[in-house]
Amino acid sequence: MKILFDIKHPAQLNLFKGLTNELRQENWEVTICYLQRGKLPNIIKSEYPNFQLIPVGSSHGTRWSILWNGNIKRTLFFLDLIKKGKYNICVAASSIPLALACKIAGIPIIQFYDDPERKQVNQINASLSSQLFFPPIVKKNHKISVFNCLKEWSYLSPNRFHPAEKIPDKYGLTPHDYIFVREVSNKSFNYYNQQDGIIGGFAGKINPNKKVVLSLEDKSYKSRYPKHWIILQEPVEDIHSLIYYSRMVISSGDSMAREGAMLGVPSVYCGIRKMKANDMLKQLGMLEHLPAESALPFINKALEKKFNAEKQTRIRNKLLNQWDDMTAFMKEQINRYKL
């Protein structure tokens, strides 16, 4: 059986990592396609060794590049690739180009996504895909089904992720005594309407006595942040252990804010997007959505408190008992198309 995955950013890379390894162990022939955008190619090569890797299209941040290189050219390339490769099924997380190519070629495609707010994109994906899966934050129909978790749980569940305490030590950090900050670029489709460098606008007002590691998507903005902050260089070895052992996560991107919350770390999302996926974690008291500098009072007050390791374990065990095993769920859906 031959299967093709499309990966457009790091969150999707992690979503499918365990699944692709398990499928390969079960003698599936697995192809990983990826968008040439930012640091993603280097991270793909690091995280997916010994897989067949194929770059498909690119994105350089401009609207024209996203439309032409990231969509139109990708669709044509995918159509040629899946016809020549004779794939049995394709898998993605919101990829209209791959879904359209599969529709034309008559090949099944299933997609796993968590952003119902992008209504037009989801309507197109649903019409083109064999099945589209969301967390329990949507209404089901004949094309849309649900999984009982958030997609980041596929690689953050205690059954899948085991933190390595040696990772903070590589940066001279003490577990639960530093802040993890993620600053996304506004050059992607999801963040075009978001102020660039949101956290950089108030970084100097965050408690200066706390050590900080910064995952900065656009390194050209590094001068906006305090000099004592440690700027990570991608690919980062075991970034989720670095998050797990932090005392707080502050992120202008929604994905990493959710990751921090699922790892049991107090997390603050500073971006502008209102998302139902985030609401699932907010209702559990695991995530705060405080746009831009409005987050500052909460951050500094929370940093005065001692980190509660018992609460971290309790939160993760609670999710483990309540949520699906996302990797097992995805594999079950894929096997429905097995010849």
Protein backbone atom coordinates (compact mmCIF):
# COMPACT_ATOMS: atom_id res chain seq x y z
CA MET A 1 0.00 0.00 0.00
CA LYS A 2 1.25 3.45 -0.92
CA ILE A 3 0.36 6.58 1.04
CA LEU A 4 1.28 10.23 0.58
CA PHE A 5 1.32 12.92 3.29
CA ASP A 6 1.37 16.68 2.71
CA ILE A 7 3.03 18.86 5.36
CA LYS A 8 2.89 22.66 5.23
CA HIS A 9 4.19 23.73 8.66
CA PRO A 10 5.84 22.27 11.79
CA ALA A 11 2.58 21.54 13.64
CA GLN A 12 1.57 19.20 10.82
CA LEU A 13 5.03 17.64 10.83
CA ASN A 14 4.54 16.62 14.45
CA LEU A 15 0.94 15.54 13.88
CA PHE A 16 1.95 12.85 11.40
CA LYS A 17 5.37 11.84 12.74
CA GLY A 18 4.29 8.91 14.92
CA LEU A 19 1.68 7.79 12.41
CA THR A 20 4.09 7.67 9.46
CA ASN A 21 6.62 5.66 11.47
CA GLU A 22 3.97 3.13 12.51
CA LEU A 23 2.66 2.79 8.96
CA ARG A 24 6.14 2.21 7.62
CA GLN A 25 6.69 -0.50 10.22
CA GLU A 26 3.50 -2.12 8.90
CA ASN A 27 5.00 -2.19 5.38
CA TRP A 28 3.24 0.85 3.97
CA GLU A 29 5.26 2.75 1.37
CA VAL A 30 5.21 6.28 2.80
CA THR A 31 5.97 9.50 0.89
CA ILE A 32 6.30 12.84 2.69
CA CYS A 33 5.65 15.96 0.63
CA TYR A 34 6.37 19.36 2.14
CA LEU A 35 6.08 23.06 1.38
CA GLN A 36 9.35 24.93 0.99
CA ARG A 37 8.72 27.63 3.58
CA GLY A 38 11.05 29.09 6.18
CA LYS A 39 12.88 26.50 8.27
CA LEU A 40 10.41 23.70 7.45
CA PRO A 41 12.63 21.88 4.88
CA ASN A 42 15.51 21.59 7.36
CA ILE A 43 13.20 20.44 10.15
CA ILE A 44 11.56 17.86 7.84
CA LYS A 45 14.93 16.41 6.88
CA SER A 46 15.89 16.20 10.55
CA GLU A 47 12.63 14.71 11.84
CA TYR A 48 11.86 12.34 8.94
CA PRO A 49 15.13 10.50 8.27
CA ASN A 50 15.02 7.62 5.76
CA PHE A 51 11.62 8.64 4.35
CA GLN A 52 11.02 9.52 0.72
CA LEU A 53 10.87 13.34 0.93
CA ILE A 54 9.55 15.46 -1.94
CA PRO A 55 9.42 19.29 -1.86
CA VAL A 56 6.20 20.53 -3.47
CA GLY A 57 5.77 24.26 -4.06
CA SER A 58 7.00 27.13 -1.93
CA SER A 59 5.83 30.17 -0.02
CA HIS A 60 7.85 33.36 0.43
CA GLY A 61 5.34 35.33 2.47
CA THR A 62 3.72 37.43 -0.26
CA ARG A 63 0.08 36.90 -1.23
CA TRP A 64 1.13 36.16 -4.83
CA SER A 65 3.65 33.53 -3.68
CA ILE A 66 1.01 31.85 -1.50
CA LEU A 67 -1.48 31.78 -4.39
CA TRP A 68 0.82 30.80 -7.27
CA ASN A 69 3.66 28.77 -5.71
CA GLY A 70 1.78 27.54 -2.65
CA ASN A 71 -1.49 26.58 -4.34
CA ILE A 72 -1.72 26.55 -8.15
CA LYS A 73 1.72 25.07 -8.88
CA ARG A 74 1.35 22.66 -5.95
CA THR A 75 -1.95 21.33 -7.34
CA LEU A 76 -0.41 20.63 -10.75
CA PHE A 77 2.64 18.97 -9.19
CA PHE A 78 0.50 16.80 -6.89
CA LEU A 79 -1.70 15.71 -9.81
CA ASP A 80 1.30 14.52 -11.77
CA LEU A 81 2.90 12.92 -8.69
CA ILE A 82 -0.08 10.89 -7.50
CA LYS A 83 -0.91 9.66 -10.99
CA LYS A 84 2.65 8.48 -11.64
CA GLY A 85 3.09 7.15 -8.10
CA LYS A 86 -0.21 5.23 -8.08
CA TYR A 87 -0.90 6.03 -4.45
CA ASN A 88 -3.74 4.27 -2.64
CA ILE A 89 -4.58 7.17 -0.33
CA CYS A 90 -3.38 10.66 0.60
CA VAL A 91 -3.48 12.36 4.00
CA ALA A 92 -3.18 16.02 4.96
CA ALA A 93 -4.22 18.71 7.41
CA SER A 94 -6.10 21.21 5.27
CA SER A 95 -4.45 20.98 1.85
CA ILE A 96 -6.73 22.19 -0.93
CA PRO A 97 -4.05 21.62 -3.62
CA LEU A 98 -3.65 17.94 -2.69
CA ALA A 99 -7.40 17.46 -2.21
CA LEU A 100 -8.12 18.93 -5.66
CA ALA A 101 -5.45 16.75 -7.28
CA CYS A 102 -6.89 13.66 -5.57
CA LYS A 103 -10.42 14.57 -6.67
CA ILE A 104 -9.32 14.87 -10.30
CA ALA A 105 -7.26 11.66 -10.12
CA GLY A 106 -9.98 9.71 -8.29
CA ILE A 107 -7.77 8.89 -5.27
CA PRO A 108 -9.16 9.02 -1.70
CA ILE A 109 -7.89 11.70 0.65
CA ILE A 110 -8.69 12.20 4.33
CA GLN A 111 -7.77 15.31 6.31
CA PHE A 112 -7.38 16.09 10.01
CA TYR A 113 -7.86 19.72 11.00
CA ASP A 114 -8.80 21.90 13.98
CA ASP A 115 -9.75 25.30 12.58
CA PRO A 116 -13.48 25.52 11.77
CA GLU A 117 -13.21 29.31 11.69
CA ARG A 118 -11.76 29.11 8.18
CA LYS A 119 -15.20 28.37 6.77
CA GLN A 120 -14.54 28.85 3.07
CA VAL A 121 -11.36 26.76 3.17
CA ASN A 122 -13.16 24.00 5.08
CA GLN A 123 -16.11 23.98 2.68
CA ILE A 124 -13.74 23.50 -0.25
CA ASN A 125 -11.77 20.81 1.58
CA ALA A 126 -14.95 18.97 2.58
CA SER A 127 -16.25 18.98 -1.00
CA LEU A 128 -12.95 17.65 -2.37
CA SER A 129 -12.01 15.16 0.39
CA SER A 130 -13.27 11.67 1.14
CA GLN A 131 -13.62 12.71 4.78
CA LEU A 132 -12.63 15.71 6.89
CA PHE A 133 -12.03 15.25 10.64
CA PHE A 134 -12.20 17.88 13.41
CA PRO A 135 -12.16 17.94 17.22
CA PRO A 136 -15.66 17.95 18.79
CA ILE A 137 -16.15 21.64 17.95
CA VAL A 138 -18.12 21.22 14.71
CA LYS A 139 -21.41 19.81 13.51
CA LYS A 140 -21.05 16.40 11.89
CA ASN A 141 -22.42 15.53 8.45
CA HIS A 142 -21.76 12.95 5.74
CA LYS A 143 -18.35 14.54 4.97
CA ILE A 144 -17.31 15.87 8.38
CA SER A 145 -16.54 13.63 11.39
CA VAL A 146 -14.90 14.22 14.78
CA PHE A 147 -12.08 12.93 16.94
CA ASN A 148 -12.24 13.40 20.71
CA CYS A 149 -9.08 15.41 21.35
CA LEU A 150 -7.00 18.14 19.78
CA LYS A 151 -4.63 17.16 17.00
CA GLU A 152 -1.49 18.09 19.00
CA TRP A 153 -2.38 15.22 21.34
CA SER A 154 -1.07 12.80 18.68
CA TYR A 155 2.48 13.60 19.81
CA LEU A 156 1.99 15.10 23.28
CA SER A 157 -0.03 12.38 25.01
CA PRO A 158 1.86 10.73 27.91
CA ASN A 159 1.60 7.54 25.88
CA ARG A 160 3.53 9.17 23.04
CA PHE A 161 5.76 11.79 24.65
CA HIS A 162 8.33 11.27 27.41
CA PRO A 163 10.21 14.46 28.36
CA ALA A 164 14.00 14.44 28.56
CA GLU A 165 15.27 16.47 31.52
CA LYS A 166 18.71 16.74 29.90
CA ILE A 167 17.37 19.11 27.23
CA PRO A 168 17.07 22.27 29.42
CA ASP A 169 20.55 21.61 30.77
CA LYS A 170 21.98 22.03 27.26
CA TYR A 171 20.93 25.68 27.45
CA GLY A 172 22.07 26.15 31.04
CA LEU A 173 18.47 26.14 32.26
CA THR A 174 16.91 24.76 35.42
CA PRO A 175 13.64 22.82 34.97
CA HIS A 176 10.53 24.93 35.66
CA ASP A 177 12.61 28.07 36.17
CA TYR A 178 12.51 29.65 32.71
CA ILE A 179 9.93 30.99 30.23
CA PHE A 180 9.40 29.57 26.77
CA VAL A 181 8.36 32.18 24.19
CA ARG A 182 7.21 31.55 20.63
CA GLU A 183 6.98 34.47 18.18
CA VAL A 184 5.44 33.64 14.79
CA SER A 185 5.83 35.62 11.60
CA ASN A 186 2.79 37.35 10.14
CA LYS A 187 3.85 36.33 6.62
CA SER A 188 1.77 33.14 6.66
CA PHE A 189 -1.88 33.01 5.57
CA ASN A 190 -3.12 32.43 9.12
CA TYR A 191 -1.45 35.56 10.53
CA TYR A 192 -1.67 38.10 7.72
CA ASN A 193 -3.99 40.31 9.74
CA GLN A 194 -1.92 40.05 12.91
CA GLN A 195 0.56 42.67 14.10
CA ASP A 196 4.10 41.48 13.45
CA GLY A 197 6.25 40.75 16.49
CA ILE A 198 3.45 41.00 19.05
CA ILE A 199 5.51 39.74 21.97
CA GLY A 200 8.48 41.86 20.88
CA GLY A 201 6.31 44.89 21.58
CA PHE A 202 6.24 44.18 25.33
CA ALA A 203 9.12 41.73 25.80
CA GLY A 204 11.17 44.28 27.75
CA LYS A 205 8.38 44.57 30.36
CA ILE A 206 8.34 40.87 31.22
CA ASN A 207 10.05 40.16 34.56
CA PRO A 208 13.75 40.72 33.67
CA ASN A 209 14.92 38.33 36.40
CA LYS A 210 13.49 35.31 34.58
CA LYS A 211 15.47 33.34 32.03
CA VAL A 212 13.77 33.13 28.64
CA VAL A 213 14.20 30.92 25.58
CA LEU A 214 12.76 32.35 22.36
CA SER A 215 11.59 30.40 19.34
CA LEU A 216 11.65 33.22 16.78
CA GLU A 217 10.26 32.38 13.35
CA ASP A 218 11.73 35.46 11.66
CA LYS A 219 15.28 35.93 12.97
CA SER A 220 15.61 39.34 11.32
CA TYR A 221 13.61 40.75 14.25
CA LYS A 222 15.93 39.47 16.99
CA SER A 223 16.98 43.01 18.01
CA ARG A 224 13.43 43.62 19.34
CA TYR A 225 13.97 41.26 22.27
CA PRO A 226 16.07 41.58 25.44
CA LYS A 227 19.69 40.60 24.92
CA HIS A 228 19.64 38.06 27.75
CA TRP A 229 16.95 36.00 25.99
CA ILE A 230 18.25 32.79 24.41
CA ILE A 231 17.22 32.62 20.73
CA LEU A 232 16.80 29.04 19.54
CA GLN A 233 18.29 27.89 16.25
CA GLU A 234 16.23 25.41 14.24
CA PRO A 235 16.01 22.51 14.08
CA VAL A 236 15.75 22.40 17.87
CA GLU A 237 16.47 19.06 19.51
CA ASP A 238 13.36 17.86 21.39
CA ILE A 239 11.64 21.23 21.55
CA HIS A 240 8.68 19.74 23.43
CA SER A 241 10.90 18.71 26.33
CA LEU A 242 12.10 22.29 26.42
CA ILE A 243 8.46 23.40 26.60
CA TYR A 244 7.51 20.73 29.16
CA TYR A 245 10.18 21.84 31.62
CA SER A 246 9.42 25.55 31.28
CA ARG A 247 7.37 27.36 33.94
CA MET A 248 5.27 29.25 31.40
CA VAL A 249 4.65 29.35 27.64
CA ILE A 250 3.92 32.68 25.91
CA SER A 251 3.08 32.42 22.22
CA SER A 252 1.82 34.68 19.46
CA GLY A 253 0.95 31.54 17.48
CA ASP A 254 -2.00 29.38 18.46
CA SER A 255 -0.40 25.94 17.89
CA MET A 256 2.44 26.28 20.38
CA ALA A 257 0.15 27.90 22.95
CA ARG A 258 -2.02 24.78 22.81
CA GLU A 259 1.05 22.56 22.98
CA GLY A 260 2.17 24.23 26.19
CA ALA A 261 -1.27 23.81 27.73
CA MET A 262 -1.43 20.12 26.79
CA LEU A 263 1.99 19.64 28.35
CA GLY A 264 0.52 20.97 31.60
CA VAL A 265 2.43 24.27 31.51
CA PRO A 266 0.57 27.56 32.20
CA SER A 267 0.18 28.98 28.69
CA VAL A 268 -0.77 32.36 27.25
CA TYR A 269 -1.82 32.94 23.65
CA CYS A 270 -1.12 36.54 22.66
CA GLY A 271 -2.37 36.39 19.08
CA ILE A 272 -5.58 37.81 17.67
CA ARG A 273 -7.30 34.68 16.39
CA LYS A 274 -10.35 33.45 18.28
CA MET A 275 -10.47 29.67 17.94
CA LYS A 276 -12.80 27.00 19.23
CA ALA A 277 -9.83 24.64 19.61
CA ASN A 278 -8.34 27.10 22.10
CA ASP A 279 -11.68 27.32 23.90
CA MET A 280 -11.50 23.60 24.72
CA LEU A 281 -8.35 24.28 26.73
CA LYS A 282 -9.57 27.58 28.16
CA GLN A 283 -12.60 25.79 29.61
CA LEU A 284 -10.26 23.36 31.34
CA GLY A 285 -8.31 26.28 32.85
CA MET A 286 -5.16 25.38 30.91
CA LEU A 287 -4.88 28.28 28.46
CA GLU A 288 -5.33 32.05 28.59
CA HIS A 289 -6.09 34.14 25.49
CA LEU A 290 -4.86 37.67 26.15
CA PRO A 291 -4.02 39.54 22.94
CA ALA A 292 -0.79 41.54 22.71
CA GLU A 293 0.25 43.64 25.74
CA SER A 294 -2.99 42.90 27.61
CA ALA A 295 -1.24 39.65 28.58
CA LEU A 296 1.52 41.42 30.52
CA PRO A 297 -0.18 41.79 33.96
CA PHE A 298 -1.25 38.14 33.95
CA ILE A 299 2.22 36.98 32.88
CA ASN A 300 4.15 38.87 35.55
CA LYS A 301 1.68 37.93 38.30
CA ALA A 302 1.80 34.25 37.33
CA LEU A 303 5.60 34.30 37.34
CA GLU A 304 5.53 35.20 41.04
CA LYS A 305 4.03 31.78 41.82
CA LYS A 306 5.99 28.58 42.23
CA PHE A 307 5.56 26.01 39.47
CA ASN A 308 3.16 23.21 40.46
CA ALA A 309 4.61 19.94 39.10
CA GLU A 310 1.83 17.87 40.68
CA LYS A 311 -0.79 19.93 38.84
CA GLN A 312 1.11 19.39 35.59
CA THR A 313 0.95 15.62 36.01
CA ARG A 314 -2.69 15.76 37.09
CA ILE A 315 -3.71 17.77 34.02
CA ARG A 316 -1.96 15.41 31.63
CA ASN A 317 -3.43 12.32 33.23
CA LYS A 318 -6.89 13.87 33.07
CA LEU A 319 -6.54 14.42 29.33
CA LEU A 320 -5.12 10.94 28.88
CA ASN A 321 -8.23 9.44 30.47
CA GLN A 322 -10.69 11.66 28.58
CA TRP A 323 -9.22 12.00 25.10
CA ASP A 324 -8.67 9.68 22.13
CA ASP A 325 -5.27 8.36 21.11
CA MET A 326 -5.02 10.58 18.02
CA THR A 327 -2.40 8.49 16.23
CA ALA A 328 -4.42 5.31 16.70
CA PHE A 329 -7.54 7.16 15.50
CA MET A 330 -5.85 8.38 12.32
CA LYS A 331 -4.47 4.94 11.55
CA GLU A 332 -7.92 3.40 12.00
CA GLN A 333 -9.38 5.84 9.48
CA ILE A 334 -6.58 5.18 6.98
CA ASN A 335 -7.05 1.42 7.25
CA ARG A 336 -10.65 1.81 6.11
CA TYR A 337 -9.22 2.44 2.65
CA LYS A 338 -6.80 -0.47 2.73
CA LEU A 339 -7.24 -2.83 -0.22
